[in-house]
Each structure stands twice: as C-alpha cells, then as structure tokens.
Amino acid sequence: MNKPISLSTAPLYYSFFDSPIGVIGVGVTHKGVKAVAIVSSPTEVITHMERVKLPLECDHPKCAPMVSQLREYFEGKRKQFTLPIDWDDMSPFQEKVLRATLTIPYGETRTYGELAAQVSTPSAARRRSYRSQQPHSHHYPLPPRYWR
C-alpha cells in the first residue's frame, strides 16, 4: 500500500534543457508544475529550484511532459500548455496575477500596469518595479504566459 506523500517531504523533481532563449529548468511536484526558470547556465537552474524549499530530485521522468511541451512550443508546434500547476505556496496576489496572465491571447503582451488594473491592484505595477531591483525577491515561481 502506498503511503500518502507528506507535503513537507515531497520532492521537487527538476530537469533542464537548452532552448533558443537560454537554459530552461522545470520543477514539478506530485500536484503539477511548480517552477520554470529561464537562465544562462545549469547551475543557475539548481539555485532557482532551491528557492522552492523542497528536497530536490534531478532528471526525474515526471519532468518529461513539461520538457516535451516546452520543446514543442519553441518548435512552433504548441501555443497552449496542458499540464496542471501546483499553486501551493504562492501568495494570493501571485496566484491572482499569474491567473490573469492566462487570459492573455497567444502572441499578445500586457504591461505590468495593464495586469495590475485587470486584477484591481493599480499599485502592483509600482510594487513590481520596486521588487525587480531586489535580486532575491523578483522571481515568480512560474513565468507569465506559459500556461493555459
């Protein structure tokens, strides 16, 4: 009989690959995609994944679907991602903003100000500008526009 996975000890399975925009690292849990990092080297992927504060397990088969969908995206074969997202540990504000990015049609962009207005938090654009100057706090777990 399988024991239920304890959230405090469930690992973050991660992998990375080269893409046209740099090295991409993906981290998934038993609930879904937890982190995506676009970085310049594999060692930066590990640094990014360590921010999730879960035990790490490298090159796990659970990462294969995410890597596959990202490769298809860069090959122009995919416009929408179908994997679940692990929303745990995100602040309500982060989740609200990231969910708002899901409404952006493929090929379009939005400014932080437009997103802030959409989520009814006009000061969020200023908050993001301030946060972007702090290297330790400017990372959202998932980059906007990757999910549908």
N, C-alpha and C. Protein backbone atom coordinates (compact mmCIF):
# COMPACT_ATOMS: atom_id res chain seq x y z
N MET A 1 0.84 -1.18 0.00
CA MET A 1 0.00 0.00 0.00
C MET A 1 0.89 1.25 0.00
N ASN A 2 0.56 2.21 -0.87
CA ASN A 2 1.34 3.44 -0.95
C ASN A 2 0.96 4.39 0.18
N LYS A 3 1.98 4.95 0.82
CA LYS A 3 1.73 5.95 1.85
C LYS A 3 1.45 7.29 1.18
N PRO A 4 0.57 8.11 1.75
CA PRO A 4 0.35 9.44 1.18
C PRO A 4 1.63 10.26 1.27
N ILE A 5 1.83 11.12 0.28
CA ILE A 5 3.02 11.96 0.24
C ILE A 5 2.84 13.11 1.22
N SER A 6 3.81 13.28 2.08
CA SER A 6 3.79 14.40 3.01
C SER A 6 4.25 15.64 2.26
N LEU A 7 3.48 16.73 2.36
CA LEU A 7 3.84 17.96 1.66
C LEU A 7 5.19 18.49 2.12
N SER A 8 5.56 18.23 3.36
CA SER A 8 6.82 18.76 3.86
C SER A 8 8.03 17.98 3.34
N THR A 9 7.81 16.74 2.86
CA THR A 9 8.94 15.95 2.37
C THR A 9 8.80 15.58 0.90
N ALA A 10 7.70 15.95 0.26
CA ALA A 10 7.53 15.63 -1.16
C ALA A 10 8.61 16.37 -1.96
N PRO A 11 9.29 15.68 -2.86
CA PRO A 11 10.39 16.34 -3.58
C PRO A 11 9.91 17.24 -4.71
N LEU A 12 10.81 18.10 -5.12
CA LEU A 12 10.65 18.87 -6.35
C LEU A 12 11.51 18.14 -7.38
N TYR A 13 10.85 17.58 -8.37
CA TYR A 13 11.57 16.89 -9.44
C TYR A 13 11.94 17.96 -10.46
N TYR A 14 13.20 18.00 -10.86
CA TYR A 14 13.59 19.04 -11.81
C TYR A 14 14.47 18.50 -12.91
N SER A 15 14.47 19.23 -14.01
CA SER A 15 15.30 18.90 -15.15
C SER A 15 15.58 20.21 -15.89
N PHE A 16 16.49 20.18 -16.83
CA PHE A 16 16.78 21.37 -17.61
C PHE A 16 17.22 20.97 -19.01
N PHE A 17 17.10 21.93 -19.93
CA PHE A 17 17.50 21.69 -21.31
C PHE A 17 17.84 23.03 -21.97
N ASP A 18 18.60 22.96 -23.07
CA ASP A 18 18.94 24.16 -23.83
C ASP A 18 17.76 24.53 -24.72
N SER A 19 17.50 25.83 -24.81
CA SER A 19 16.42 26.33 -25.66
C SER A 19 16.94 27.53 -26.45
N PRO A 20 16.16 28.03 -27.38
CA PRO A 20 16.59 29.22 -28.13
C PRO A 20 16.75 30.47 -27.26
N ILE A 21 16.19 30.48 -26.06
CA ILE A 21 16.28 31.67 -25.20
C ILE A 21 17.18 31.46 -23.98
N GLY A 22 17.86 30.33 -23.92
CA GLY A 22 18.74 30.03 -22.79
C GLY A 22 18.43 28.68 -22.20
N VAL A 23 19.05 28.38 -21.09
CA VAL A 23 18.80 27.13 -20.40
C VAL A 23 17.45 27.26 -19.67
N ILE A 24 16.59 26.28 -19.84
CA ILE A 24 15.30 26.29 -19.14
C ILE A 24 15.29 25.14 -18.15
N GLY A 25 14.98 25.48 -16.92
CA GLY A 25 14.81 24.49 -15.87
C GLY A 25 13.33 24.37 -15.54
N VAL A 26 12.87 23.16 -15.33
CA VAL A 26 11.48 22.94 -14.93
C VAL A 26 11.47 22.16 -13.63
N GLY A 27 10.56 22.50 -12.75
CA GLY A 27 10.39 21.80 -11.49
C GLY A 27 8.94 21.40 -11.33
N VAL A 28 8.69 20.14 -11.03
CA VAL A 28 7.33 19.65 -10.85
C VAL A 28 7.21 18.89 -9.52
N THR A 29 6.02 18.94 -8.96
CA THR A 29 5.70 18.16 -7.77
C THR A 29 4.64 17.15 -8.16
N HIS A 30 4.17 16.40 -7.18
CA HIS A 30 3.10 15.44 -7.46
C HIS A 30 1.79 16.14 -7.83
N LYS A 31 1.70 17.47 -7.59
CA LYS A 31 0.49 18.23 -7.93
C LYS A 31 0.56 18.90 -9.29
N GLY A 32 1.76 19.12 -9.81
CA GLY A 32 1.88 19.79 -11.11
C GLY A 32 3.14 20.61 -11.21
N VAL A 33 3.18 21.47 -12.22
CA VAL A 33 4.35 22.32 -12.47
C VAL A 33 4.47 23.33 -11.34
N LYS A 34 5.65 23.41 -10.77
CA LYS A 34 5.90 24.29 -9.62
C LYS A 34 6.81 25.45 -9.97
N ALA A 35 7.76 25.24 -10.88
CA ALA A 35 8.72 26.30 -11.19
C ALA A 35 9.24 26.13 -12.61
N VAL A 36 9.49 27.27 -13.24
CA VAL A 36 10.16 27.31 -14.54
C VAL A 36 11.20 28.42 -14.43
N ALA A 37 12.41 28.12 -14.82
CA ALA A 37 13.49 29.10 -14.75
C ALA A 37 14.13 29.24 -16.13
N ILE A 38 14.28 30.45 -16.59
CA ILE A 38 14.99 30.73 -17.83
C ILE A 38 16.29 31.41 -17.41
N VAL A 39 17.39 30.68 -17.56
CA VAL A 39 18.68 31.13 -17.03
C VAL A 39 19.78 30.94 -18.07
N SER A 40 20.99 31.29 -17.70
CA SER A 40 22.10 31.16 -18.65
C SER A 40 22.95 29.91 -18.44
N SER A 41 22.78 29.23 -17.30
CA SER A 41 23.58 28.02 -17.08
C SER A 41 22.82 27.01 -16.21
N PRO A 42 23.17 25.73 -16.32
CA PRO A 42 22.52 24.70 -15.49
C PRO A 42 22.67 24.94 -13.99
N THR A 43 23.79 25.52 -13.56
CA THR A 43 23.95 25.76 -12.12
C THR A 43 22.94 26.78 -11.62
N GLU A 44 22.54 27.72 -12.47
CA GLU A 44 21.50 28.68 -12.09
C GLU A 44 20.15 28.00 -11.93
N VAL A 45 19.92 26.92 -12.67
CA VAL A 45 18.66 26.17 -12.52
C VAL A 45 18.57 25.64 -11.10
N ILE A 46 19.64 25.06 -10.62
CA ILE A 46 19.65 24.50 -9.26
C ILE A 46 19.39 25.59 -8.24
N THR A 47 20.04 26.73 -8.41
CA THR A 47 19.82 27.86 -7.50
C THR A 47 18.35 28.26 -7.49
N HIS A 48 17.75 28.34 -8.66
CA HIS A 48 16.34 28.71 -8.75
C HIS A 48 15.45 27.66 -8.08
N MET A 49 15.72 26.39 -8.34
CA MET A 49 14.89 25.32 -7.79
C MET A 49 15.02 25.24 -6.26
N GLU A 50 16.19 25.57 -5.73
CA GLU A 50 16.37 25.55 -4.28
C GLU A 50 15.48 26.56 -3.57
N ARG A 51 15.05 27.61 -4.28
CA ARG A 51 14.16 28.61 -3.69
C ARG A 51 12.80 28.04 -3.32
N VAL A 52 12.43 26.93 -3.93
CA VAL A 52 11.13 26.30 -3.67
C VAL A 52 11.11 25.66 -2.28
N LYS A 53 12.26 25.39 -1.72
CA LYS A 53 12.39 24.85 -0.35
C LYS A 53 11.81 23.45 -0.20
N LEU A 54 12.04 22.62 -1.21
CA LEU A 54 11.67 21.20 -1.14
C LEU A 54 12.92 20.38 -1.47
N PRO A 55 12.96 19.13 -1.01
CA PRO A 55 14.09 18.28 -1.42
C PRO A 55 14.11 18.16 -2.95
N LEU A 56 15.29 18.21 -3.55
CA LEU A 56 15.41 18.17 -5.00
C LEU A 56 15.76 16.78 -5.51
N GLU A 57 15.16 16.43 -6.64
CA GLU A 57 15.47 15.17 -7.32
C GLU A 57 15.65 15.50 -8.80
N CYS A 58 16.86 15.28 -9.33
CA CYS A 58 17.19 15.68 -10.70
C CYS A 58 16.78 14.64 -11.74
N ASP A 59 16.45 15.13 -12.93
CA ASP A 59 16.16 14.31 -14.12
C ASP A 59 15.13 13.22 -13.86
N HIS A 60 14.07 13.55 -13.20
CA HIS A 60 13.00 12.60 -12.91
C HIS A 60 12.06 12.50 -14.11
N PRO A 61 11.51 11.31 -14.39
CA PRO A 61 10.57 11.17 -15.51
C PRO A 61 9.34 12.08 -15.42
N LYS A 62 8.98 12.53 -14.20
CA LYS A 62 7.84 13.44 -14.06
C LYS A 62 8.05 14.75 -14.82
N CYS A 63 9.31 15.10 -15.11
CA CYS A 63 9.61 16.34 -15.83
C CYS A 63 9.43 16.20 -17.34
N ALA A 64 9.44 14.99 -17.84
CA ALA A 64 9.42 14.76 -19.29
C ALA A 64 8.25 15.43 -20.01
N PRO A 65 7.01 15.36 -19.49
CA PRO A 65 5.92 16.04 -20.21
C PRO A 65 6.12 17.55 -20.32
N MET A 66 6.62 18.18 -19.28
CA MET A 66 6.84 19.63 -19.32
C MET A 66 7.94 19.97 -20.30
N VAL A 67 9.04 19.23 -20.26
CA VAL A 67 10.15 19.47 -21.20
C VAL A 67 9.65 19.28 -22.63
N SER A 68 8.87 18.24 -22.86
CA SER A 68 8.33 17.96 -24.19
C SER A 68 7.45 19.10 -24.68
N GLN A 69 6.54 19.59 -23.81
CA GLN A 69 5.66 20.67 -24.22
C GLN A 69 6.43 21.96 -24.49
N LEU A 70 7.47 22.24 -23.71
CA LEU A 70 8.28 23.43 -23.96
C LEU A 70 9.05 23.31 -25.28
N ARG A 71 9.58 22.14 -25.55
CA ARG A 71 10.29 21.94 -26.83
C ARG A 71 9.32 22.16 -28.00
N GLU A 72 8.11 21.61 -27.89
CA GLU A 72 7.10 21.81 -28.94
C GLU A 72 6.79 23.29 -29.11
N TYR A 73 6.72 24.02 -28.01
CA TYR A 73 6.46 25.46 -28.06
C TYR A 73 7.55 26.16 -28.87
N PHE A 74 8.81 25.86 -28.59
CA PHE A 74 9.91 26.51 -29.29
C PHE A 74 10.02 26.07 -30.75
N GLU A 75 9.47 24.91 -31.07
CA GLU A 75 9.45 24.45 -32.46
C GLU A 75 8.25 25.01 -33.21
N GLY A 76 7.41 25.79 -32.55
CA GLY A 76 6.24 26.37 -33.18
C GLY A 76 5.06 25.42 -33.30
N LYS A 77 5.11 24.29 -32.60
CA LYS A 77 4.06 23.27 -32.69
C LYS A 77 3.02 23.38 -31.57
N ARG A 78 3.26 24.24 -30.60
CA ARG A 78 2.35 24.34 -29.44
C ARG A 78 2.14 25.80 -29.09
N LYS A 79 0.86 26.15 -28.83
CA LYS A 79 0.51 27.50 -28.40
C LYS A 79 -0.11 27.50 -27.02
N GLN A 80 -0.37 26.33 -26.50
CA GLN A 80 -1.06 26.21 -25.22
C GLN A 80 -0.44 25.04 -24.45
N PHE A 81 -0.32 25.21 -23.13
CA PHE A 81 0.21 24.16 -22.27
C PHE A 81 -0.95 23.51 -21.52
N THR A 82 -0.82 22.21 -21.30
CA THR A 82 -1.95 21.46 -20.74
C THR A 82 -1.66 20.81 -19.40
N LEU A 83 -0.52 21.07 -18.82
CA LEU A 83 -0.17 20.42 -17.56
C LEU A 83 -0.73 21.20 -16.37
N PRO A 84 -1.07 20.50 -15.29
CA PRO A 84 -1.57 21.20 -14.11
C PRO A 84 -0.45 22.01 -13.45
N ILE A 85 -0.87 23.03 -12.72
CA ILE A 85 0.06 23.89 -11.98
C ILE A 85 -0.10 23.62 -10.50
N ASP A 86 0.99 23.53 -9.79
CA ASP A 86 0.97 23.41 -8.33
C ASP A 86 0.94 24.83 -7.76
N TRP A 87 -0.23 25.28 -7.32
CA TRP A 87 -0.41 26.64 -6.84
C TRP A 87 -0.02 26.79 -5.36
N ASP A 88 0.28 25.69 -4.68
CA ASP A 88 0.65 25.76 -3.26
C ASP A 88 1.84 26.70 -3.07
N ASP A 89 1.88 27.35 -1.95
CA ASP A 89 2.98 28.23 -1.53
C ASP A 89 3.03 29.56 -2.27
N MET A 90 2.10 29.81 -3.20
CA MET A 90 2.05 31.11 -3.83
C MET A 90 1.18 32.01 -2.97
N SER A 91 1.55 33.26 -2.91
CA SER A 91 0.70 34.21 -2.19
C SER A 91 -0.58 34.40 -3.00
N PRO A 92 -1.65 34.83 -2.35
CA PRO A 92 -2.89 35.09 -3.11
C PRO A 92 -2.66 36.10 -4.23
N PHE A 93 -1.81 37.10 -3.99
CA PHE A 93 -1.52 38.09 -5.02
C PHE A 93 -0.80 37.46 -6.21
N GLN A 94 0.23 36.63 -5.95
CA GLN A 94 0.95 35.96 -7.03
C GLN A 94 0.00 35.11 -7.86
N GLU A 95 -0.84 34.35 -7.18
CA GLU A 95 -1.77 33.48 -7.90
C GLU A 95 -2.74 34.31 -8.74
N LYS A 96 -3.24 35.38 -8.18
CA LYS A 96 -4.18 36.25 -8.89
C LYS A 96 -3.55 36.81 -10.16
N VAL A 97 -2.32 37.29 -10.05
CA VAL A 97 -1.63 37.86 -11.21
C VAL A 97 -1.33 36.77 -12.24
N LEU A 98 -0.81 35.65 -11.79
CA LEU A 98 -0.49 34.59 -12.74
C LEU A 98 -1.74 34.05 -13.43
N ARG A 99 -2.84 33.95 -12.71
CA ARG A 99 -4.10 33.53 -13.35
C ARG A 99 -4.57 34.57 -14.36
N ALA A 100 -4.30 35.84 -14.08
CA ALA A 100 -4.68 36.89 -15.03
C ALA A 100 -3.89 36.74 -16.33
N THR A 101 -2.66 36.27 -16.25
CA THR A 101 -1.87 36.09 -17.48
C THR A 101 -2.47 35.00 -18.36
N LEU A 102 -3.24 34.12 -17.78
CA LEU A 102 -3.87 33.05 -18.57
C LEU A 102 -4.91 33.60 -19.54
N THR A 103 -5.37 34.81 -19.31
CA THR A 103 -6.38 35.40 -20.19
C THR A 103 -5.76 36.14 -21.37
N ILE A 104 -4.45 36.25 -21.40
CA ILE A 104 -3.78 36.96 -22.50
C ILE A 104 -3.73 36.02 -23.71
N PRO A 105 -4.30 36.45 -24.83
CA PRO A 105 -4.27 35.59 -26.02
C PRO A 105 -2.84 35.33 -26.51
N TYR A 106 -2.64 34.19 -27.12
CA TYR A 106 -1.34 33.82 -27.68
C TYR A 106 -0.84 34.92 -28.61
N GLY A 107 0.42 35.29 -28.46
CA GLY A 107 1.04 36.27 -29.32
C GLY A 107 0.86 37.71 -28.87
N GLU A 108 0.07 37.94 -27.82
CA GLU A 108 -0.13 39.29 -27.31
C GLU A 108 0.65 39.47 -26.02
N THR A 109 0.84 40.72 -25.62
CA THR A 109 1.54 41.03 -24.38
C THR A 109 0.70 42.00 -23.56
N ARG A 110 1.03 42.12 -22.30
CA ARG A 110 0.42 43.10 -21.39
C ARG A 110 1.53 43.70 -20.54
N THR A 111 1.39 44.97 -20.20
CA THR A 111 2.35 45.60 -19.30
C THR A 111 1.97 45.23 -17.87
N TYR A 112 2.88 45.47 -16.95
CA TYR A 112 2.56 45.25 -15.54
C TYR A 112 1.39 46.13 -15.13
N GLY A 113 1.35 47.36 -15.66
CA GLY A 113 0.26 48.27 -15.34
C GLY A 113 -1.09 47.73 -15.80
N GLU A 114 -1.13 47.16 -17.00
CA GLU A 114 -2.37 46.58 -17.51
C GLU A 114 -2.81 45.38 -16.67
N LEU A 115 -1.84 44.54 -16.30
CA LEU A 115 -2.18 43.40 -15.44
C LEU A 115 -2.67 43.87 -14.08
N ALA A 116 -2.01 44.88 -13.53
CA ALA A 116 -2.41 45.41 -12.22
C ALA A 116 -3.83 45.93 -12.28
N ALA A 117 -4.18 46.64 -13.35
CA ALA A 117 -5.54 47.14 -13.50
C ALA A 117 -6.53 45.99 -13.63
N GLN A 118 -6.13 44.94 -14.34
CA GLN A 118 -7.01 43.78 -14.52
C GLN A 118 -7.31 43.08 -13.20
N VAL A 119 -6.32 43.03 -12.31
CA VAL A 119 -6.55 42.36 -11.02
C VAL A 119 -6.96 43.36 -9.95
N SER A 120 -7.32 44.56 -10.39
CA SER A 120 -7.81 45.62 -9.49
C SER A 120 -6.82 45.99 -8.39
N THR A 121 -5.53 46.03 -8.75
CA THR A 121 -4.49 46.43 -7.81
C THR A 121 -3.53 47.38 -8.54
N PRO A 122 -3.95 48.62 -8.81
CA PRO A 122 -3.11 49.53 -9.58
C PRO A 122 -1.71 49.74 -9.00
N SER A 123 -1.56 49.65 -7.69
CA SER A 123 -0.23 49.85 -7.10
C SER A 123 0.70 48.67 -7.36
N ALA A 124 0.17 47.57 -7.90
CA ALA A 124 1.00 46.39 -8.14
C ALA A 124 2.10 46.66 -9.15
N ALA A 125 1.83 47.49 -10.14
CA ALA A 125 2.86 47.80 -11.13
C ALA A 125 4.04 48.50 -10.46
N ARG A 126 3.76 49.41 -9.55
CA ARG A 126 4.84 50.08 -8.81
C ARG A 126 5.55 49.08 -7.92
N ARG A 127 4.79 48.18 -7.28
CA ARG A 127 5.39 47.17 -6.41
C ARG A 127 6.34 46.30 -7.22
N ARG A 128 5.96 45.89 -8.40
CA ARG A 128 6.80 45.05 -9.24
C ARG A 128 8.07 45.80 -9.63
N SER A 129 7.95 47.07 -9.97
CA SER A 129 9.14 47.86 -10.31
C SER A 129 10.11 47.87 -9.15
N TYR A 130 9.61 48.08 -7.95
CA TYR A 130 10.46 48.11 -6.77
C TYR A 130 11.07 46.74 -6.54
N ARG A 131 10.26 45.69 -6.61
CA ARG A 131 10.77 44.34 -6.35
C ARG A 131 11.82 43.93 -7.36
N SER A 132 11.70 44.38 -8.61
CA SER A 132 12.64 43.93 -9.62
C SER A 132 14.06 44.40 -9.34
N GLN A 133 14.22 45.34 -8.43
CA GLN A 133 15.55 45.80 -8.07
C GLN A 133 16.14 44.98 -6.92
N GLN A 134 15.40 43.99 -6.45
CA GLN A 134 15.88 43.14 -5.36
C GLN A 134 16.06 41.72 -5.90
N PRO A 135 17.28 41.31 -6.20
CA PRO A 135 17.51 40.03 -6.86
C PRO A 135 16.91 38.84 -6.12
N HIS A 136 16.83 38.88 -4.81
CA HIS A 136 16.34 37.73 -4.06
C HIS A 136 14.83 37.62 -4.08
N SER A 137 14.11 38.65 -4.54
CA SER A 137 12.66 38.60 -4.42
C SER A 137 11.92 38.85 -5.73
N HIS A 138 12.61 38.93 -6.84
CA HIS A 138 11.90 39.28 -8.07
C HIS A 138 11.47 38.08 -8.90
N HIS A 139 11.56 36.90 -8.36
CA HIS A 139 11.21 35.71 -9.13
C HIS A 139 9.81 35.21 -8.77
N TYR A 140 8.96 35.14 -9.75
CA TYR A 140 7.72 34.40 -9.58
C TYR A 140 8.04 32.95 -9.85
N PRO A 141 7.34 32.02 -9.21
CA PRO A 141 7.65 30.61 -9.45
C PRO A 141 7.47 30.19 -10.90
N LEU A 142 6.51 30.78 -11.59
CA LEU A 142 6.25 30.44 -12.97
C LEU A 142 6.22 31.72 -13.79
N PRO A 143 6.92 31.74 -14.93
CA PRO A 143 6.86 32.95 -15.73
C PRO A 143 5.48 33.10 -16.37
N PRO A 144 4.96 34.32 -16.45
CA PRO A 144 3.67 34.54 -17.08
C PRO A 144 3.67 34.06 -18.53
N ARG A 145 2.51 33.76 -19.03
CA ARG A 145 2.22 33.44 -20.41
C ARG A 145 2.60 32.02 -20.81
N TYR A 146 2.99 31.17 -19.88
CA TYR A 146 3.31 29.81 -20.26
C TYR A 146 2.14 28.85 -20.09
N TRP A 147 1.10 29.28 -19.43
CA TRP A 147 0.06 28.32 -19.08
C TRP A 147 -1.28 28.68 -19.64
N ARG A 148 -2.07 27.70 -19.89
CA ARG A 148 -3.48 27.83 -20.29
C ARG A 148 -4.28 26.86 -19.49
